[in-house]
Amino acid sequence: MPKYLSEQEVEALLAEAAKRPGRQGRVALAALEILYATGLRVSELLALPRRALAGDAALIMVRGKGGRERVVPLSDAARDAAATLVASHDSAWLFPGRGRQAMTRQGFGLLLKQVALAAGLDPARVSPHVLRHSFASHLLAHGADLRSLQLLLGHADIATTQIYTHVLAERLQRLVEQHHPLAHGKG
């Protein structure tokens, strides 16, 4: 089963990122908002060019595994955080690193661990991929279907997406417990 954070833990991460000052805070907030709003892989996130968020784009084009492209929607909060970040630098990359390069996976991983620690979360439980799993698990828990999730995650095969069916099973169990007449000791 994939490891994922609770919705409250994700909210704590976002709140902590929003409190961080300066460039580091802008990067942390934009990256976390985008990761959680889209389910991108960290490599997809860090490869985003600055122009990916030109204007007030509600969708972004992402180049995923195997060079396959997909379009993913962006939340208002993610778009706002990214716009604030873009306005603060002139790099060709949305997430600039040192020199003219994009931020590295290691650099982002370190930043994420710092935010997790400050948010009171065990940094060993928090990674970009855990945020991807959190995105998928939370969408399913709130009623999304597997096929839509497959498209959003950029999975070539629905079988890959089916690792999230544990959420569907939990949701179905809650549904029966809440609505079945015999579930409450009636009858």
Protein backbone atom coordinates (compact mmCIF):
# COMPACT_ATOMS: atom_id res chain seq x y z
CA MET A 1 0.00 0.00 0.00
CA PRO A 2 1.28 3.47 -0.80
CA LYS A 3 2.29 5.67 2.11
CA TYR A 4 0.42 8.95 2.31
CA LEU A 5 -0.22 11.81 4.72
CA SER A 6 -3.56 12.70 6.24
CA GLU A 7 -5.30 15.81 4.99
CA GLN A 8 -4.47 17.50 8.30
CA GLU A 9 -0.78 16.68 7.88
CA VAL A 10 -0.76 18.18 4.39
CA GLU A 11 -2.50 21.28 5.74
CA ALA A 12 0.20 21.55 8.43
CA LEU A 13 2.93 21.35 5.77
CA LEU A 14 1.27 24.06 3.68
CA ALA A 15 0.75 26.29 6.71
CA GLU A 16 4.39 25.93 7.71
CA ALA A 17 5.61 26.66 4.18
CA ALA A 18 3.45 29.81 4.11
CA LYS A 19 5.15 31.04 7.31
CA ARG A 20 8.69 30.67 5.97
CA PRO A 21 10.32 33.96 5.03
CA GLY A 22 12.04 34.97 1.81
CA ARG A 23 12.85 32.95 -1.27
CA GLN A 24 12.90 29.66 0.61
CA GLY A 25 9.35 30.22 1.79
CA ARG A 26 8.13 31.17 -1.69
CA VAL A 27 9.75 28.08 -3.20
CA ALA A 28 8.44 25.78 -0.46
CA LEU A 29 4.88 27.07 -0.67
CA ALA A 30 4.69 27.05 -4.48
CA ALA A 31 6.22 23.57 -4.72
CA LEU A 32 3.99 22.06 -2.03
CA GLU A 33 0.85 23.70 -3.41
CA ILE A 34 1.61 22.46 -6.92
CA LEU A 35 2.63 18.96 -5.84
CA TYR A 36 -0.48 18.48 -3.74
CA ALA A 37 -2.81 20.10 -6.27
CA THR A 38 -1.53 18.10 -9.24
CA GLY A 39 0.13 14.89 -8.06
CA LEU A 40 3.21 15.63 -10.18
CA ARG A 41 6.37 13.61 -9.80
CA VAL A 42 9.22 15.68 -8.32
CA SER A 43 11.15 15.41 -11.60
CA GLU A 44 8.12 16.82 -13.46
CA LEU A 45 7.78 19.65 -10.94
CA LEU A 46 11.41 20.71 -11.04
CA ALA A 47 11.51 20.55 -14.85
CA LEU A 48 8.70 23.08 -15.20
CA PRO A 49 9.87 26.12 -17.11
CA ARG A 50 8.93 29.55 -15.83
CA ARG A 51 6.62 30.02 -18.82
CA ALA A 52 4.53 26.98 -17.79
CA LEU A 53 2.58 29.34 -15.57
CA ALA A 54 2.30 32.30 -17.93
CA GLY A 55 -0.65 34.51 -17.20
CA ASP A 56 -3.28 32.98 -14.99
CA ALA A 57 -3.16 29.53 -16.52
CA ALA A 58 -5.67 27.15 -14.97
CA LEU A 59 -3.93 24.19 -16.64
CA ILE A 60 -0.29 23.27 -17.07
CA MET A 61 1.35 21.03 -19.63
CA VAL A 62 3.59 18.43 -18.03
CA ARG A 63 6.10 16.16 -19.72
CA GLY A 64 6.09 12.90 -17.82
CA LYS A 65 7.75 9.50 -18.03
CA GLY A 66 8.61 8.39 -21.54
CA GLY A 67 8.21 11.95 -22.80
CA ARG A 68 4.41 11.65 -22.65
CA GLU A 69 2.67 14.96 -22.19
CA ARG A 70 -0.45 15.57 -20.16
CA VAL A 71 -2.44 18.55 -19.03
CA VAL A 72 -3.25 18.92 -15.35
CA PRO A 73 -5.47 21.49 -13.64
CA LEU A 74 -3.95 23.89 -11.14
CA SER A 75 -5.73 25.08 -8.00
CA ASP A 76 -6.10 28.78 -7.31
CA ALA A 77 -3.80 28.47 -4.29
CA ALA A 78 -1.11 26.74 -6.37
CA ARG A 79 -1.43 29.32 -9.14
CA ASP A 80 -1.16 32.22 -6.65
CA ALA A 81 1.86 30.73 -4.90
CA ALA A 82 3.58 30.09 -8.25
CA ALA A 83 2.84 33.63 -9.45
CA THR A 84 4.42 35.04 -6.29
CA LEU A 85 7.48 32.86 -6.85
CA VAL A 86 7.80 33.79 -10.54
CA ALA A 87 7.59 37.49 -9.70
CA SER A 88 10.56 37.13 -7.37
CA HIS A 89 13.14 35.79 -9.86
CA ASP A 90 14.16 35.88 -13.50
CA SER A 91 15.31 32.30 -13.99
CA ALA A 92 14.10 30.27 -16.97
CA TRP A 93 12.91 27.65 -14.46
CA LEU A 94 9.87 27.90 -12.23
CA PHE A 95 12.00 26.48 -9.41
CA PRO A 96 15.48 27.94 -9.88
CA GLY A 97 18.55 26.35 -8.45
CA ARG A 98 22.09 27.61 -8.42
CA GLY A 99 23.36 29.42 -11.45
CA ARG A 100 21.19 28.90 -14.50
CA GLN A 101 20.02 25.41 -13.54
CA ALA A 102 16.72 24.19 -12.15
CA MET A 103 16.53 23.24 -8.49
CA THR A 104 17.85 19.73 -7.87
CA ARG A 105 15.85 16.88 -6.38
CA GLN A 106 18.28 16.84 -3.46
CA GLY A 107 17.86 20.56 -2.84
CA PHE A 108 14.10 20.26 -2.88
CA GLY A 109 14.22 17.14 -0.69
CA LEU A 110 16.22 19.02 1.94
CA LEU A 111 13.78 21.94 1.87
CA LEU A 112 10.82 19.58 2.21
CA LYS A 113 12.42 17.83 5.22
CA GLN A 114 13.00 21.22 6.90
CA VAL A 115 9.36 22.23 6.38
CA ALA A 116 8.14 18.84 7.65
CA LEU A 117 10.24 19.11 10.80
CA ALA A 118 9.02 22.65 11.48
CA ALA A 119 5.42 21.48 10.93
CA GLY A 120 5.85 18.81 13.62
CA LEU A 121 5.91 15.90 11.18
CA ASP A 122 8.46 13.11 11.06
CA PRO A 123 10.64 14.11 8.08
CA ALA A 124 11.20 10.43 7.29
CA ARG A 125 7.47 10.16 6.46
CA VAL A 126 7.47 13.13 4.07
CA SER A 127 8.76 13.06 0.50
CA PRO A 128 7.60 14.34 -2.88
CA HIS A 129 6.34 10.86 -3.71
CA VAL A 130 4.39 10.67 -0.45
CA LEU A 131 2.72 13.93 -1.49
CA ARG A 132 1.87 12.33 -4.86
CA HIS A 133 0.30 9.39 -3.01
CA SER A 134 -1.53 11.83 -0.71
CA PHE A 135 -2.96 13.67 -3.73
CA ALA A 136 -4.23 10.42 -5.23
CA SER A 137 -5.56 8.94 -1.99
CA HIS A 138 -7.37 12.13 -1.00
CA LEU A 139 -8.95 12.52 -4.43
CA LEU A 140 -10.29 8.97 -4.31
CA ALA A 141 -11.49 9.43 -0.75
CA HIS A 142 -13.52 12.41 -1.95
CA GLY A 143 -15.14 10.60 -4.85
CA ALA A 144 -12.76 10.71 -7.84
CA ASP A 145 -12.74 7.70 -10.16
CA LEU A 146 -9.69 5.61 -11.04
CA ARG A 147 -9.71 6.51 -14.74
CA SER A 148 -9.57 10.26 -14.02
CA LEU A 149 -6.84 9.65 -11.47
CA GLN A 150 -4.89 7.63 -14.05
CA LEU A 151 -4.96 10.59 -16.43
CA LEU A 152 -3.97 13.10 -13.76
CA LEU A 153 -1.05 10.98 -12.56
CA GLY A 154 0.14 10.20 -16.07
CA HIS A 155 0.01 6.44 -15.63
CA ALA A 156 0.19 4.57 -18.94
CA ASP A 157 -1.70 1.61 -17.49
CA ILE A 158 -4.73 1.61 -15.18
CA ALA A 159 -3.12 -1.29 -13.28
CA THR A 160 -0.54 1.15 -11.93
CA THR A 161 -3.31 3.38 -10.61
CA GLN A 162 -5.06 0.49 -8.90
CA ILE A 163 -2.60 0.61 -5.99
CA TYR A 164 -4.94 3.28 -4.63
CA THR A 165 -7.94 0.96 -4.39
CA HIS A 166 -7.32 0.66 -0.64
CA VAL A 167 -8.93 4.09 -0.39
CA LEU A 168 -11.95 2.90 -2.37
CA ALA A 169 -12.33 -0.09 -0.06
CA GLU A 170 -12.16 2.17 3.01
CA ARG A 171 -14.70 4.56 1.47
CA LEU A 172 -17.08 1.69 0.67
CA GLN A 173 -16.78 0.36 4.20
CA ARG A 174 -17.62 3.80 5.64
CA LEU A 175 -20.53 4.09 3.22
CA VAL A 176 -22.02 0.80 4.42
CA GLU A 177 -21.39 1.68 8.08
CA GLN A 178 -23.10 5.07 7.66
CA HIS A 179 -26.05 4.09 5.50
CA HIS A 180 -26.90 0.41 5.85
CA PRO A 181 -29.87 -0.11 8.18
CA LEU A 182 -28.22 -2.99 10.07
CA ALA A 183 -24.89 -1.22 10.56
CA HIS A 184 -26.16 0.79 13.54
CA GLY A 185 -27.56 -2.11 15.52
CA LYS A 186 -31.07 -1.40 14.24
CA GLY A 187 -33.36 -4.24 13.41
